[in-house]
């Protein structure tokens, strides 16, 4: 049986349940029933506006964002689902910082709740670099069901991987 890479940190009993859902071909239907709605964020401008709106609602004092984009180059397995960067450049006698968030393009077609979870996660990194207690407190402040969304997102990514593996096996 293939390892469940997105669920490797979860107890074996959880992984056994997920494998059962995969074998019964029920994981996709379960997620579709729970998260049927996609979002209207289809391009980089809409993603920027969506992210800034969340930032302004929950993190008014955080530094402004310069760029938020869907990144086609992300390979979800090897890289994170999104990144946040601060690029510092010298302009005259000043140091100017540019803050960017890049979201894996797989979230362009994902359910709305998963896009929100990734954006919340990357926004929280503006204040907290590490995945520590204050980081997760900030995430749950912006999305009270953050931990459930993170788990369900891992199920969604597992489902996508299983579906693509199945397509490759049929070719």
Protein backbone atom coordinates (compact mmCIF):
# COMPACT_ATOMS: atom_id res chain seq x y z
CA UNK A 1 0.00 0.00 0.00
CA UNK A 2 1.29 3.46 -0.89
CA UNK A 3 2.28 5.61 2.06
CA UNK A 4 -0.08 8.47 2.81
CA UNK A 5 2.52 11.22 2.65
CA UNK A 6 0.13 14.01 3.60
CA UNK A 7 -1.05 12.07 6.64
CA UNK A 8 2.29 10.65 7.82
CA UNK A 9 2.15 12.59 11.10
CA UNK A 10 -1.27 11.21 12.03
CA UNK A 11 -1.88 8.04 14.09
CA UNK A 12 -2.02 4.70 12.28
CA UNK A 13 -5.72 4.28 13.13
CA UNK A 14 -6.50 7.47 11.16
CA UNK A 15 -4.40 6.28 8.23
CA UNK A 16 -6.22 2.92 8.24
CA UNK A 17 -9.58 4.73 8.06
CA UNK A 18 -8.38 6.85 5.15
CA UNK A 19 -7.02 3.80 3.31
CA UNK A 20 -10.44 2.19 3.76
CA UNK A 21 -12.15 5.21 2.22
CA UNK A 22 -9.69 5.13 -0.69
CA UNK A 23 -10.19 1.40 -1.29
CA UNK A 24 -13.98 1.86 -1.25
CA UNK A 25 -13.59 4.87 -3.59
CA UNK A 26 -15.48 7.06 -1.09
CA UNK A 27 -12.89 9.72 -0.16
CA UNK A 28 -13.75 12.03 -3.06
CA UNK A 29 -17.48 11.78 -2.41
CA UNK A 30 -16.97 12.47 1.30
CA UNK A 31 -14.99 15.63 0.55
CA UNK A 32 -17.42 16.72 -2.19
CA UNK A 33 -20.31 16.40 0.24
CA UNK A 34 -18.53 18.46 2.88
CA UNK A 35 -16.83 21.04 0.62
CA UNK A 36 -18.83 21.25 -2.56
CA UNK A 37 -18.42 24.94 -3.27
CA UNK A 38 -15.46 26.22 -5.24
CA UNK A 39 -14.42 29.85 -4.97
CA UNK A 40 -14.54 32.76 -7.37
CA UNK A 41 -10.83 33.59 -6.99
CA UNK A 42 -9.66 32.71 -10.51
CA UNK A 43 -6.69 35.01 -11.13
CA UNK A 44 -3.80 36.69 -9.33
CA UNK A 45 -5.57 40.04 -8.93
CA UNK A 46 -8.58 38.40 -7.29
CA UNK A 47 -6.22 36.37 -5.06
CA UNK A 48 -4.38 39.54 -4.04
CA UNK A 49 -7.67 41.30 -3.19
CA UNK A 50 -8.94 38.26 -1.27
CA UNK A 51 -5.71 38.00 0.75
CA UNK A 52 -5.54 41.72 1.52
CA UNK A 53 -9.17 41.67 2.66
CA UNK A 54 -8.39 38.88 5.15
CA UNK A 55 -5.20 40.63 6.25
CA UNK A 56 -7.03 43.91 6.81
CA UNK A 57 -9.78 42.19 8.77
CA UNK A 58 -7.50 40.27 11.16
CA UNK A 59 -4.00 41.76 10.93
CA UNK A 60 -4.38 45.49 10.42
CA UNK A 61 -0.98 46.29 11.91
CA UNK A 62 0.98 43.82 9.78
CA UNK A 63 3.20 45.18 7.03
CA UNK A 64 1.47 45.60 3.65
CA UNK A 65 1.71 42.89 1.01
CA UNK A 66 3.28 43.71 -2.33
CA UNK A 67 2.38 40.60 -4.27
CA UNK A 68 0.09 37.57 -3.95
CA UNK A 69 -0.02 35.08 -6.83
CA UNK A 70 -0.92 31.55 -7.82
CA UNK A 71 2.34 29.78 -8.62
CA UNK A 72 2.25 27.10 -11.33
CA UNK A 73 5.78 25.96 -10.50
CA UNK A 74 4.89 24.56 -7.07
CA UNK A 75 5.01 20.82 -6.89
CA UNK A 76 2.88 20.19 -3.83
CA UNK A 77 4.74 17.04 -2.76
CA UNK A 78 8.19 18.61 -2.80
CA UNK A 79 7.31 22.12 -1.77
CA UNK A 80 4.93 23.79 0.58
CA UNK A 81 1.39 24.62 -0.45
CA UNK A 82 2.24 28.28 -0.31
CA UNK A 83 5.18 30.47 0.59
CA UNK A 84 5.74 33.85 2.08
CA UNK A 85 8.89 35.82 1.37
CA UNK A 86 10.33 39.14 2.31
CA UNK A 87 12.78 40.50 -0.21
CA UNK A 88 14.93 43.39 0.99
CA UNK A 89 16.45 45.82 -1.50
CA UNK A 90 18.57 48.89 -0.98
CA UNK A 91 17.05 52.00 -2.52
CA UNK A 92 19.31 54.95 -1.96
CA UNK A 93 20.00 55.15 1.75
CA UNK A 94 16.95 53.05 2.65
CA UNK A 95 16.25 49.36 2.88
CA UNK A 96 12.93 48.52 1.27
CA UNK A 97 11.15 45.24 2.04
CA UNK A 98 8.75 43.60 -0.40
CA UNK A 99 6.42 40.96 1.03
CA UNK A 100 5.10 38.24 -1.26
CA UNK A 101 2.79 35.27 -0.87
CA UNK A 102 2.71 32.52 -3.46
CA UNK A 103 -0.04 29.90 -3.42
CA UNK A 104 0.18 26.58 -5.29
CA UNK A 105 -1.99 26.75 -8.41
CA UNK A 106 -3.78 23.55 -7.37
CA UNK A 107 -5.84 25.81 -5.08
CA UNK A 108 -7.29 27.71 -8.04
CA UNK A 109 -9.75 24.82 -8.43
CA UNK A 110 -9.95 23.73 -4.80
CA UNK A 111 -12.92 24.25 -2.48
CA UNK A 112 -13.20 27.76 -1.05
CA UNK A 113 -12.42 26.66 2.51
CA UNK A 114 -9.06 25.17 1.47
CA UNK A 115 -7.98 28.38 -0.27
CA UNK A 116 -8.90 30.30 2.87
CA UNK A 117 -6.91 27.88 5.04
CA UNK A 118 -3.77 28.29 2.91
CA UNK A 119 -4.08 32.09 2.78
CA UNK A 120 -4.63 32.24 6.56
CA UNK A 121 -1.58 30.02 7.06
CA UNK A 122 0.65 32.23 4.92
CA UNK A 123 -0.70 35.44 6.50
CA UNK A 124 0.09 34.05 9.95
CA UNK A 125 3.69 33.66 8.83
CA UNK A 126 3.89 37.44 8.43
CA UNK A 127 3.86 37.66 12.23
CA UNK A 128 5.12 34.23 13.31
CA UNK A 129 7.88 32.54 11.30
CA UNK A 130 7.74 29.20 13.13
CA UNK A 131 4.86 26.75 13.46
CA UNK A 132 4.53 27.38 17.18
CA UNK A 133 1.66 27.97 19.58
CA UNK A 134 1.26 31.72 18.76
CA UNK A 135 1.26 30.85 15.06
CA UNK A 136 -1.62 28.38 15.43
CA UNK A 137 -3.49 30.76 17.75
CA UNK A 138 -3.33 33.39 15.02
CA UNK A 139 -4.52 30.85 12.43
CA UNK A 140 -7.50 29.87 14.58
CA UNK A 141 -8.26 33.54 15.22
CA UNK A 142 -8.63 34.07 11.45
CA UNK A 143 -10.25 30.67 10.77
CA UNK A 144 -11.77 29.09 13.92
CA UNK A 145 -11.97 25.66 12.20
CA UNK A 146 -8.36 25.91 10.99
CA UNK A 147 -7.23 22.52 12.36
CA UNK A 148 -10.16 20.65 10.79
CA UNK A 149 -9.56 22.44 7.50
CA UNK A 150 -5.88 21.50 7.59
CA UNK A 151 -6.74 17.83 8.11
CA UNK A 152 -9.40 17.88 5.40
CA UNK A 153 -6.98 19.62 3.05
CA UNK A 154 -4.55 16.76 3.63
CA UNK A 155 -7.36 14.35 2.73
CA UNK A 156 -8.08 16.39 -0.41
CA UNK A 157 -4.43 16.28 -1.49
CA UNK A 158 -4.36 12.54 -0.80
CA UNK A 159 -7.47 12.14 -2.96
CA UNK A 160 -5.88 14.15 -5.81
CA UNK A 161 -2.72 12.08 -5.62
CA UNK A 162 -4.65 8.80 -5.64
CA UNK A 163 -6.72 9.97 -8.61
CA UNK A 164 -3.60 10.93 -10.59
CA UNK A 165 -1.89 7.63 -9.68
CA UNK A 166 -4.98 5.77 -10.87
CA UNK A 167 -4.96 7.67 -14.19
CA UNK A 168 -1.25 6.88 -14.67
CA UNK A 169 -1.87 3.19 -13.94
CA UNK A 170 -4.59 3.10 -16.61
CA UNK A 171 -2.37 4.69 -19.28
